[in-house]
Amino acid sequence: MRRFRLFEFTDLPWYPQAFRRIQTDYLQFVATRGSGQAGLVPLLVKAMQHAETTEIVDLCSGGAGPWRPLQRQLADAGWPVSVKLTDKYPHPAALRHWEATSQPGVEYVPEPVDALNVPPSLKGMRTLFEGFHHFAPTDARSILQDAFEKRVAIGVFDVRVPRPWAPFLLALAPLSTLFGYLLLTPFITPRSWSRLLWTYLIPVVPLATCWDGVVSLLRVYSPRDLEAMSGQLRAPDYAWEIGTVSTGTPIFEYVYLVGYPVRSS
């Protein structure tokens, strides 16, 4: 399995919390525009039906990922869910902002949660949006193995650039990220002088996000990689589904792996 040995700033424990929050707030804002997750709804509903759960444990949530619109989309599909958002580096100020702006049925867990060691108290289908590629193959497989052995449903979803557009769009990704920061920052809450300083006057965070964005696209596990990871995790009472689904735009697509217990009739 070929992997680019590159780092992302948000993976580094010394990355300043102020920068981490500005970056995750921006990514959260972008992730909740539009309805690009609509294609994932049937996959999530199917897995939760098999697992007999309406609870979600979202791992590596960052700023909360796509769950504000996705929870509503699942409810519209006839499968209302409650969501617990978790992160290894929860930011106190971000948690306070979330509590002030959260929607019913979506809760941000204040304690750190490591995706490699999910507490038994967190029950439900596990999901990772834009988080699975952060893990080395051994750790990524451990995440899948833990869900498999405990017979809980899991879904991992990462965005990639489909061929043949990949080289061209990867080259444009830093410019589009910088433009996005310049255009969208005034609309991102909570507004602060710190956000303006590190975005416009000293654009450290936009540049770090440019790097992280390109590295993320390079490190996304392909369907073949996911097949290799789950290949030895087979049992009559557990199923895996692997594939790609549209994000609603031709320049990006979701690569997904969904696992769930299969109940005997």
C-alpha atoms as a PDB file:
ATOM      1  CA  MET A   1       0.000   0.000   0.000  1.00  0.00           C
ATOM      2  CA  ARG A   2       1.704   3.200  -1.206  1.00  0.00           C
ATOM      3  CA  ARG A   3       1.439   6.168   1.161  1.00  0.00           C
ATOM      4  CA  PHE A   4       2.832   9.692   0.985  1.00  0.00           C
ATOM      5  CA  ARG A   5       4.900  10.215   4.135  1.00  0.00           C
ATOM      6  CA  LEU A   6       3.773  13.788   4.664  1.00  0.00           C
ATOM      7  CA  PHE A   7       2.424  15.509   7.752  1.00  0.00           C
ATOM      8  CA  GLU A   8      -0.648  17.677   8.271  1.00  0.00           C
ATOM      9  CA  PHE A   9      -0.488  20.561  10.702  1.00  0.00           C
ATOM     10  CA  THR A  10      -3.690  19.545  12.465  1.00  0.00           C
ATOM     11  CA  ASP A  11      -2.094  16.173  13.291  1.00  0.00           C
ATOM     12  CA  LEU A  12       0.754  17.822  15.224  1.00  0.00           C
ATOM     13  CA  PRO A  13       0.215  18.158  18.994  1.00  0.00           C
ATOM     14  CA  TRP A  14       2.217  21.414  19.091  1.00  0.00           C
ATOM     15  CA  TYR A  15       0.053  23.125  16.448  1.00  0.00           C
ATOM     16  CA  PRO A  16      -1.392  26.144  18.331  1.00  0.00           C
ATOM     17  CA  GLN A  17      -4.974  25.722  19.477  1.00  0.00           C
ATOM     18  CA  ALA A  18      -5.843  29.178  18.128  1.00  0.00           C
ATOM     19  CA  PHE A  19      -4.677  28.162  14.645  1.00  0.00           C
ATOM     20  CA  ARG A  20      -6.397  24.775  14.934  1.00  0.00           C
ATOM     21  CA  ARG A  21      -9.690  26.426  15.790  1.00  0.00           C
ATOM     22  CA  ILE A  22      -9.535  28.966  12.948  1.00  0.00           C
ATOM     23  CA  GLN A  23      -8.758  26.148  10.529  1.00  0.00           C
ATOM     24  CA  THR A  24     -11.480  23.801  11.764  1.00  0.00           C
ATOM     25  CA  ASP A  25     -14.019  26.652  11.806  1.00  0.00           C
ATOM     26  CA  TYR A  26     -13.247  27.378   8.159  1.00  0.00           C
ATOM     27  CA  LEU A  27     -13.473  23.711   7.155  1.00  0.00           C
ATOM     28  CA  GLN A  28     -16.714  23.364   9.109  1.00  0.00           C
ATOM     29  CA  PHE A  29     -18.183  26.400   7.344  1.00  0.00           C
ATOM     30  CA  VAL A  30     -17.266  25.019   3.916  1.00  0.00           C
ATOM     31  CA  ALA A  31     -18.484  21.495   4.762  1.00  0.00           C
ATOM     32  CA  THR A  32     -21.963  22.706   5.688  1.00  0.00           C
ATOM     33  CA  ARG A  33     -22.594  24.680   2.490  1.00  0.00           C
ATOM     34  CA  GLY A  34     -24.863  22.881   0.030  1.00  0.00           C
ATOM     35  CA  SER A  35     -26.034  19.274   0.166  1.00  0.00           C
ATOM     36  CA  GLY A  36     -22.973  17.348  -0.969  1.00  0.00           C
ATOM     37  CA  GLN A  37     -23.568  14.603   1.619  1.00  0.00           C
ATOM     38  CA  ALA A  38     -26.981  13.600   0.232  1.00  0.00           C
ATOM     39  CA  GLY A  39     -25.482  10.617  -1.599  1.00  0.00           C
ATOM     40  CA  LEU A  40     -24.281   9.170   1.714  1.00  0.00           C
ATOM     41  CA  VAL A  41     -27.736   9.066   3.303  1.00  0.00           C
ATOM     42  CA  PRO A  42     -28.774   5.646   1.855  1.00  0.00           C
ATOM     43  CA  LEU A  43     -25.463   4.121   2.991  1.00  0.00           C
ATOM     44  CA  LEU A  44     -25.849   5.436   6.535  1.00  0.00           C
ATOM     45  CA  VAL A  45     -29.498   4.407   6.790  1.00  0.00           C
ATOM     46  CA  LYS A  46     -28.738   0.872   5.568  1.00  0.00           C
ATOM     47  CA  ALA A  47     -25.882   0.418   8.045  1.00  0.00           C
ATOM     48  CA  MET A  48     -27.903   1.740  10.986  1.00  0.00           C
ATOM     49  CA  GLN A  49     -30.899  -0.411  10.071  1.00  0.00           C
ATOM     50  CA  HIS A  50     -28.702  -3.510  10.153  1.00  0.00           C
ATOM     51  CA  ALA A  51     -27.069  -2.390  13.408  1.00  0.00           C
ATOM     52  CA  GLU A  52     -30.472  -1.515  14.874  1.00  0.00           C
ATOM     53  CA  THR A  53     -29.353   1.893  16.078  1.00  0.00           C
ATOM     54  CA  THR A  54     -30.296   5.528  15.619  1.00  0.00           C
ATOM     55  CA  GLU A  55     -27.169   6.798  17.388  1.00  0.00           C
ATOM     56  CA  ILE A  56     -24.016   8.156  15.760  1.00  0.00           C
ATOM     57  CA  VAL A  57     -20.563   8.474  17.337  1.00  0.00           C
ATOM     58  CA  ASP A  58     -18.599  10.777  15.055  1.00  0.00           C
ATOM     59  CA  LEU A  59     -14.823  10.494  15.507  1.00  0.00           C
ATOM     60  CA  CYS A  60     -12.230  13.171  14.650  1.00  0.00           C
ATOM     61  CA  SER A  61     -15.079  15.669  14.366  1.00  0.00           C
ATOM     62  CA  GLY A  62     -13.011  18.850  14.393  1.00  0.00           C
ATOM     63  CA  GLY A  63     -15.495  21.694  14.020  1.00  0.00           C
ATOM     64  CA  ALA A  64     -18.409  19.208  13.708  1.00  0.00           C
ATOM     65  CA  GLY A  65     -18.009  18.175  10.091  1.00  0.00           C
ATOM     66  CA  PRO A  66     -21.144  17.777   7.965  1.00  0.00           C
ATOM     67  CA  TRP A  67     -23.523  16.792  10.745  1.00  0.00           C
ATOM     68  CA  ARG A  68     -25.661  19.928  10.893  1.00  0.00           C
ATOM     69  CA  PRO A  69     -27.136  19.351   7.412  1.00  0.00           C
ATOM     70  CA  LEU A  70     -26.648  15.576   7.413  1.00  0.00           C
ATOM     71  CA  GLN A  71     -28.764  15.057  10.516  1.00  0.00           C
ATOM     72  CA  ARG A  72     -31.612  16.922   8.815  1.00  0.00           C
ATOM     73  CA  GLN A  73     -31.161  14.904   5.620  1.00  0.00           C
ATOM     74  CA  LEU A  74     -31.392  11.641   7.578  1.00  0.00           C
ATOM     75  CA  ALA A  75     -34.560  12.854   9.304  1.00  0.00           C
ATOM     76  CA  ASP A  76     -36.058  13.748   5.922  1.00  0.00           C
ATOM     77  CA  ALA A  77     -35.235  10.189   4.800  1.00  0.00           C
ATOM     78  CA  GLY A  78     -37.261   8.805   7.723  1.00  0.00           C
ATOM     79  CA  TRP A  79     -34.302   7.912   9.960  1.00  0.00           C
ATOM     80  CA  PRO A  80     -33.837  10.577  12.666  1.00  0.00           C
ATOM     81  CA  VAL A  81     -30.584  10.184  14.585  1.00  0.00           C
ATOM     82  CA  SER A  82     -28.840  11.525  17.663  1.00  0.00           C
ATOM     83  CA  VAL A  83     -25.189  12.430  17.145  1.00  0.00           C
ATOM     84  CA  LYS A  84     -22.257  12.592  19.545  1.00  0.00           C
ATOM     85  CA  LEU A  85     -19.322  14.545  18.105  1.00  0.00           C
ATOM     86  CA  THR A  86     -15.865  13.726  19.454  1.00  0.00           C
ATOM     87  CA  ASP A  87     -12.299  14.830  18.893  1.00  0.00           C
ATOM     88  CA  LYS A  88      -8.849  14.078  20.249  1.00  0.00           C
ATOM     89  CA  TYR A  89      -8.186  17.808  20.686  1.00  0.00           C
ATOM     90  CA  PRO A  90     -11.472  19.463  21.711  1.00  0.00           C
ATOM     91  CA  HIS A  91     -11.076  23.224  22.067  1.00  0.00           C
ATOM     92  CA  PRO A  92     -12.849  24.787  25.101  1.00  0.00           C
ATOM     93  CA  ALA A  93     -13.813  27.980  23.261  1.00  0.00           C
ATOM     94  CA  ALA A  94     -15.115  25.987  20.311  1.00  0.00           C
ATOM     95  CA  LEU A  95     -17.175  23.845  22.683  1.00  0.00           C
ATOM     96  CA  ARG A  96     -18.739  26.948  24.236  1.00  0.00           C
ATOM     97  CA  HIS A  97     -19.568  28.291  20.791  1.00  0.00           C
ATOM     98  CA  TRP A  98     -21.052  24.930  19.817  1.00  0.00           C
ATOM     99  CA  GLU A  99     -23.251  24.847  22.925  1.00  0.00           C
ATOM    100  CA  ALA A 100     -24.598  28.287  22.024  1.00  0.00           C
ATOM    101  CA  THR A 101     -25.367  27.382  18.406  1.00  0.00           C
ATOM    102  CA  SER A 102     -26.025  23.634  18.479  1.00  0.00           C
ATOM    103  CA  GLN A 103     -29.145  21.965  17.159  1.00  0.00           C
ATOM    104  CA  PRO A 104     -31.272  19.379  19.007  1.00  0.00           C
ATOM    105  CA  GLY A 105     -29.951  15.856  18.796  1.00  0.00           C
ATOM    106  CA  VAL A 106     -26.318  16.821  18.156  1.00  0.00           C
ATOM    107  CA  GLU A 107     -23.978  16.897  21.161  1.00  0.00           C
ATOM    108  CA  TYR A 108     -20.256  17.679  21.324  1.00  0.00           C
ATOM    109  CA  VAL A 109     -18.473  15.482  23.895  1.00  0.00           C
ATOM    110  CA  PRO A 110     -16.136  17.765  25.895  1.00  0.00           C
ATOM    111  CA  GLU A 111     -13.637  15.062  26.868  1.00  0.00           C
ATOM    112  CA  PRO A 112     -10.857  14.011  24.442  1.00  0.00           C
ATOM    113  CA  VAL A 113     -11.733  10.855  22.511  1.00  0.00           C
ATOM    114  CA  ASP A 114      -9.094   8.896  20.594  1.00  0.00           C
ATOM    115  CA  ALA A 115     -10.452   7.083  17.531  1.00  0.00           C
ATOM    116  CA  LEU A 116      -8.027   4.251  18.344  1.00  0.00           C
ATOM    117  CA  ASN A 117      -9.566   3.776  21.775  1.00  0.00           C
ATOM    118  CA  VAL A 118     -13.288   4.537  21.674  1.00  0.00           C
ATOM    119  CA  PRO A 119     -14.783   4.392  25.199  1.00  0.00           C
ATOM    120  CA  PRO A 120     -17.401   1.657  25.718  1.00  0.00           C
ATOM    121  CA  SER A 121     -19.843   4.317  26.899  1.00  0.00           C
ATOM    122  CA  LEU A 122     -20.041   5.767  23.368  1.00  0.00           C
ATOM    123  CA  LYS A 123     -22.517   3.535  21.595  1.00  0.00           C
ATOM    124  CA  GLY A 124     -23.867   3.727  18.063  1.00  0.00           C
ATOM    125  CA  MET A 125     -22.587   3.729  14.506  1.00  0.00           C
ATOM    126  CA  ARG A 126     -19.076   5.162  14.288  1.00  0.00           C
ATOM    127  CA  THR A 127     -18.302   7.633  11.517  1.00  0.00           C
ATOM    128  CA  LEU A 128     -15.177   9.445  10.320  1.00  0.00           C
ATOM    129  CA  PHE A 129     -15.521  12.286   7.835  1.00  0.00           C
ATOM    130  CA  GLU A 130     -12.263  13.475   6.327  1.00  0.00           C
ATOM    131  CA  GLY A 131     -10.422  11.775   9.189  1.00  0.00           C
ATOM    132  CA  PHE A 132      -9.496   8.245   8.149  1.00  0.00           C
ATOM    133  CA  HIS A 133      -6.589   9.260   5.918  1.00  0.00           C
ATOM    134  CA  HIS A 134      -4.860  10.853   8.934  1.00  0.00           C
ATOM    135  CA  PHE A 135      -4.083   7.374  10.272  1.00  0.00           C
ATOM    136  CA  ALA A 136      -1.217   5.169   9.128  1.00  0.00           C
ATOM    137  CA  PRO A 137      -2.360   1.856   7.583  1.00  0.00           C
ATOM    138  CA  THR A 138      -1.768  -0.148  10.769  1.00  0.00           C
ATOM    139  CA  ASP A 139      -3.807   2.257  12.890  1.00  0.00           C
ATOM    140  CA  ALA A 140      -6.490   2.623  10.227  1.00  0.00           C
ATOM    141  CA  ARG A 141      -6.935  -1.128  10.129  1.00  0.00           C
ATOM    142  CA  SER A 142      -7.115  -1.205  13.946  1.00  0.00           C
ATOM    143  CA  ILE A 143     -10.051   1.205  13.810  1.00  0.00           C
ATOM    144  CA  LEU A 144     -11.870  -1.120  11.427  1.00  0.00           C
ATOM    145  CA  GLN A 145     -10.931  -4.212  13.408  1.00  0.00           C
ATOM    146  CA  ASP A 146     -12.284  -2.778  16.661  1.00  0.00           C
ATOM    147  CA  ALA A 147     -15.651  -2.054  15.044  1.00  0.00           C
ATOM    148  CA  PHE A 148     -15.666  -5.501  13.428  1.00  0.00           C
ATOM    149  CA  GLU A 149     -14.836  -7.358  16.644  1.00  0.00           C
ATOM    150  CA  LYS A 150     -17.451  -5.414  18.627  1.00  0.00           C
ATOM    151  CA  ARG A 151     -19.972  -5.836  15.802  1.00  0.00           C
ATOM    152  CA  VAL A 152     -20.786  -2.134  15.621  1.00  0.00           C
ATOM    153  CA  ALA A 153     -21.457  -0.288  12.395  1.00  0.00           C
ATOM    154  CA  ILE A 154     -18.780   2.028  11.025  1.00  0.00           C
ATOM    155  CA  GLY A 155     -18.528   4.396   8.080  1.00  0.00           C
ATOM    156  CA  VAL A 156     -15.421   6.190   6.828  1.00  0.00           C
ATOM    157  CA  PHE A 157     -15.780   8.902   4.198  1.00  0.00           C
ATOM    158  CA  ASP A 158     -12.964  10.865   2.566  1.00  0.00           C
ATOM    159  CA  VAL A 159     -13.101  13.291  -0.351  1.00  0.00           C
ATOM    160  CA  ARG A 160     -10.745  12.819  -3.281  1.00  0.00           C
ATOM    161  CA  VAL A 161     -10.266  14.259  -6.767  1.00  0.00           C
ATOM    162  CA  PRO A 162     -11.308  11.690  -9.389  1.00  0.00           C
ATOM    163  CA  ARG A 163      -9.155  10.950 -12.392  1.00  0.00           C
ATOM    164  CA  PRO A 164      -8.352  12.463 -14.879  1.00  0.00           C
ATOM    165  CA  TRP A 165      -8.733  15.804 -13.096  1.00  0.00           C
ATOM    166  CA  ALA A 166      -6.453  15.038 -10.148  1.00  0.00           C
ATOM    167  CA  PRO A 167      -3.148  16.688 -11.250  1.00  0.00           C
ATOM    168  CA  PHE A 168      -4.840  19.844 -12.541  1.00  0.00           C
ATOM    169  CA  LEU A 169      -7.110  20.319  -9.520  1.00  0.00           C
ATOM    170  CA  LEU A 170      -4.373  19.523  -7.022  1.00  0.00           C
ATOM    171  CA  ALA A 171      -2.343  22.353  -8.546  1.00  0.00           C
ATOM    172  CA  LEU A 172      -5.310  24.725  -8.190  1.00  0.00           C
ATOM    173  CA  ALA A 173      -6.280  23.608  -4.662  1.00  0.00           C
ATOM    174  CA  PRO A 174      -3.994  26.084  -2.789  1.00  0.00           C
ATOM    175  CA  LEU A 175      -5.312  29.033  -4.800  1.00  0.00           C
ATOM    176  CA  SER A 176      -8.929  28.044  -4.236  1.00  0.00           C
ATOM    177  CA  THR A 177      -8.271  27.633  -0.489  1.00  0.00           C
ATOM    178  CA  LEU A 178      -6.644  31.064  -0.204  1.00  0.00           C
ATOM    179  CA  PHE A 179      -9.494  32.634  -2.148  1.00  0.00           C
ATOM    180  CA  GLY A 180     -11.991  30.815   0.085  1.00  0.00           C
ATOM    181  CA  TYR A 181     -10.403  32.213   3.248  1.00  0.00           C
ATOM    182  CA  LEU A 182     -10.351  35.764   1.863  1.00  0.00           C
ATOM    183  CA  LEU A 183     -13.962  35.572   0.742  1.00  0.00           C
ATOM    184  CA  LEU A 184     -15.601  33.583   3.547  1.00  0.00           C
ATOM    185  CA  THR A 185     -13.805  34.630   6.750  1.00  0.00           C
ATOM    186  CA  PRO A 186     -16.094  37.659   7.402  1.00  0.00           C
ATOM    187  CA  PHE A 187     -19.062  35.272   7.524  1.00  0.00           C
ATOM    188  CA  ILE A 188     -17.528  32.717   9.919  1.00  0.00           C
ATOM    189  CA  THR A 189     -18.543  32.954  13.572  1.00  0.00           C
ATOM    190  CA  PRO A 190     -17.509  33.658  16.227  1.00  0.00           C
ATOM    191  CA  ARG A 191     -15.884  36.740  14.731  1.00  0.00           C
ATOM    192  CA  SER A 192     -12.649  37.771  16.427  1.00  0.00           C
ATOM    193  CA  TRP A 193      -9.586  39.945  15.925  1.00  0.00           C
ATOM    194  CA  SER A 194      -7.460  36.803  16.175  1.00  0.00           C
ATOM    195  CA  ARG A 195      -9.225  35.263  13.184  1.00  0.00           C
ATOM    196  CA  LEU A 196      -8.698  38.440  11.142  1.00  0.00           C
ATOM    197  CA  LEU A 197      -5.045  38.735  12.199  1.00  0.00           C
ATOM    198  CA  TRP A 198      -4.041  35.176  11.280  1.00  0.00           C
ATOM    199  CA  THR A 199      -6.094  35.222   8.067  1.00  0.00           C
ATOM    200  CA  TYR A 200      -5.441  38.628   6.504  1.00  0.00           C
ATOM    201  CA  LEU A 201      -2.466  40.352   8.136  1.00  0.00           C
ATOM    202  CA  ILE A 202      -0.315  37.288   8.835  1.00  0.00           C
ATOM    203  CA  PRO A 203      -1.950  34.522   6.753  1.00  0.00           C
ATOM    204  CA  VAL A 204      -0.399  31.607   8.622  1.00  0.00           C
ATOM    205  CA  VAL A 205      -3.628  29.608   8.932  1.00  0.00           C
ATOM    206  CA  PRO A 206      -4.699  29.858   5.258  1.00  0.00           C
ATOM    207  CA  LEU A 207      -1.220  28.728   4.196  1.00  0.00           C
ATOM    208  CA  ALA A 208      -1.289  25.828   6.668  1.00  0.00           C
ATOM    209  CA  THR A 209      -4.732  24.859   5.346  1.00  0.00           C
ATOM    210  CA  CYS A 210      -3.409  24.946   1.774  1.00  0.00           C
ATOM    211  CA  TRP A 211      -0.694  22.477   2.759  1.00  0.00           C
ATOM    212  CA  ASP A 212      -3.068  20.258   4.725  1.00  0.00           C
ATOM    213  CA  GLY A 213      -5.618  20.244   1.900  1.00  0.00           C
ATOM    214  CA  VAL A 214      -3.157  19.051  -0.740  1.00  0.00           C
ATOM    215  CA  VAL A 215      -1.630  16.472   1.606  1.00  0.00           C
ATOM    216  CA  SER A 216      -5.110  15.195   2.510  1.00  0.00           C
ATOM    217  CA  LEU A 217      -5.997  14.627  -1.133  1.00  0.00           C
ATOM    218  CA  LEU A 218      -2.708  12.797  -1.684  1.00  0.00           C
ATOM    219  CA  ARG A 219      -3.188  10.537   1.346  1.00  0.00           C
ATOM    220  CA  VAL A 220      -6.804   9.441   0.851  1.00  0.00           C
ATOM    221  CA  TYR A 221      -7.102   5.650   0.873  1.00  0.00           C
ATOM    222  CA  SER A 222      -8.370   4.286  -2.443  1.00  0.00           C
ATOM    223  CA  PRO A 223     -11.147   1.672  -2.668  1.00  0.00           C
ATOM    224  CA  ARG A 224      -8.419  -0.893  -3.347  1.00  0.00           C
ATOM    225  CA  ASP A 225      -6.619   0.142  -0.132  1.00  0.00           C
ATOM    226  CA  LEU A 226      -9.845  -0.145   1.846  1.00  0.00           C
ATOM    227  CA  GLU A 227     -10.492  -3.567   0.363  1.00  0.00           C
ATOM    228  CA  ALA A 228      -7.041  -4.700   1.485  1.00  0.00           C
ATOM    229  CA  MET A 229      -7.584  -3.385   5.029  1.00  0.00           C
ATOM    230  CA  SER A 230     -10.948  -5.064   5.487  1.00  0.00           C
ATOM    231  CA  GLY A 231     -10.060  -8.200   3.527  1.00  0.00           C
ATOM    232  CA  GLN A 232      -9.160 -10.289   6.569  1.00  0.00           C
ATOM    233  CA  LEU A 233     -12.041  -8.948   8.660  1.00  0.00           C
ATOM    234  CA  ARG A 234     -14.663 -11.280   7.285  1.00  0.00           C
ATOM    235  CA  ALA A 235     -17.465 -13.153   9.008  1.00  0.00           C
ATOM    236  CA  PRO A 236     -20.952 -14.377   8.037  1.00  0.00           C
ATOM    237  CA  ASP A 237     -22.499 -11.902  10.490  1.00  0.00           C
ATOM    238  CA  TYR A 238     -20.647  -8.791   9.292  1.00  0.00           C
ATOM    239  CA  ALA A 239     -20.607  -7.051   5.902  1.00  0.00           C
ATOM    240  CA  TRP A 240     -18.423  -4.426   4.239  1.00  0.00           C
ATOM    241  CA  GLU A 241     -19.344  -2.098   1.386  1.00  0.00           C
ATOM    242  CA  ILE A 242     -16.677  -0.061  -0.450  1.00  0.00           C
ATOM    243  CA  GLY A 243     -17.038   2.397  -3.294  1.00  0.00           C
ATOM    244  CA  THR A 244     -17.355   6.012  -4.389  1.00  0.00           C
ATOM    245  CA  VAL A 245     -20.285   8.419  -4.425  1.00  0.00           C
ATOM    246  CA  SER A 246     -20.768  11.911  -5.788  1.00  0.00           C
ATOM    247  CA  THR A 247     -20.331  15.011  -3.637  1.00  0.00           C
ATOM    248  CA  GLY A 248     -22.691  16.894  -5.925  1.00  0.00           C
ATOM    249  CA  THR A 249     -19.825  18.352  -7.948  1.00  0.00           C
ATOM    250  CA  PRO A 250     -17.804  16.658 -10.724  1.00  0.00           C
ATOM    251  CA  ILE A 251     -14.456  17.719  -9.281  1.00  0.00           C
ATOM    252  CA  PHE A 252     -14.731  15.792  -5.996  1.00  0.00           C
ATOM    253  CA  GLU A 253     -16.107  12.436  -4.904  1.00  0.00           C
ATOM    254  CA  TYR A 254     -16.435  10.535  -1.648  1.00  0.00           C
ATOM    255  CA  VAL A 255     -14.488   7.324  -1.186  1.00  0.00           C
ATOM    256  CA  TYR A 256     -16.331   5.271   1.407  1.00  0.00           C
ATOM    257  CA  LEU A 257     -16.130   2.099   3.439  1.00  0.00           C
ATOM    258  CA  VAL A 258     -19.170   1.061   5.454  1.00  0.00           C
ATOM    259  CA  GLY A 259     -19.310  -1.950   7.753  1.00  0.00           C
ATOM    260  CA  TYR A 260     -22.263  -3.298   9.705  1.00  0.00           C
ATOM    261  CA  PRO A 261     -23.445  -6.440  11.522  1.00  0.00           C
ATOM    262  CA  VAL A 262     -25.755  -8.730   9.589  1.00  0.00           C
ATOM    263  CA  ARG A 263     -28.604 -10.170  11.648  1.00  0.00           C
ATOM    264  CA  SER A 264     -29.786 -13.673  10.869  1.00  0.00           C
ATOM    265  CA  SER A 265     -33.437 -13.799   9.790  1.00  0.00           C
END
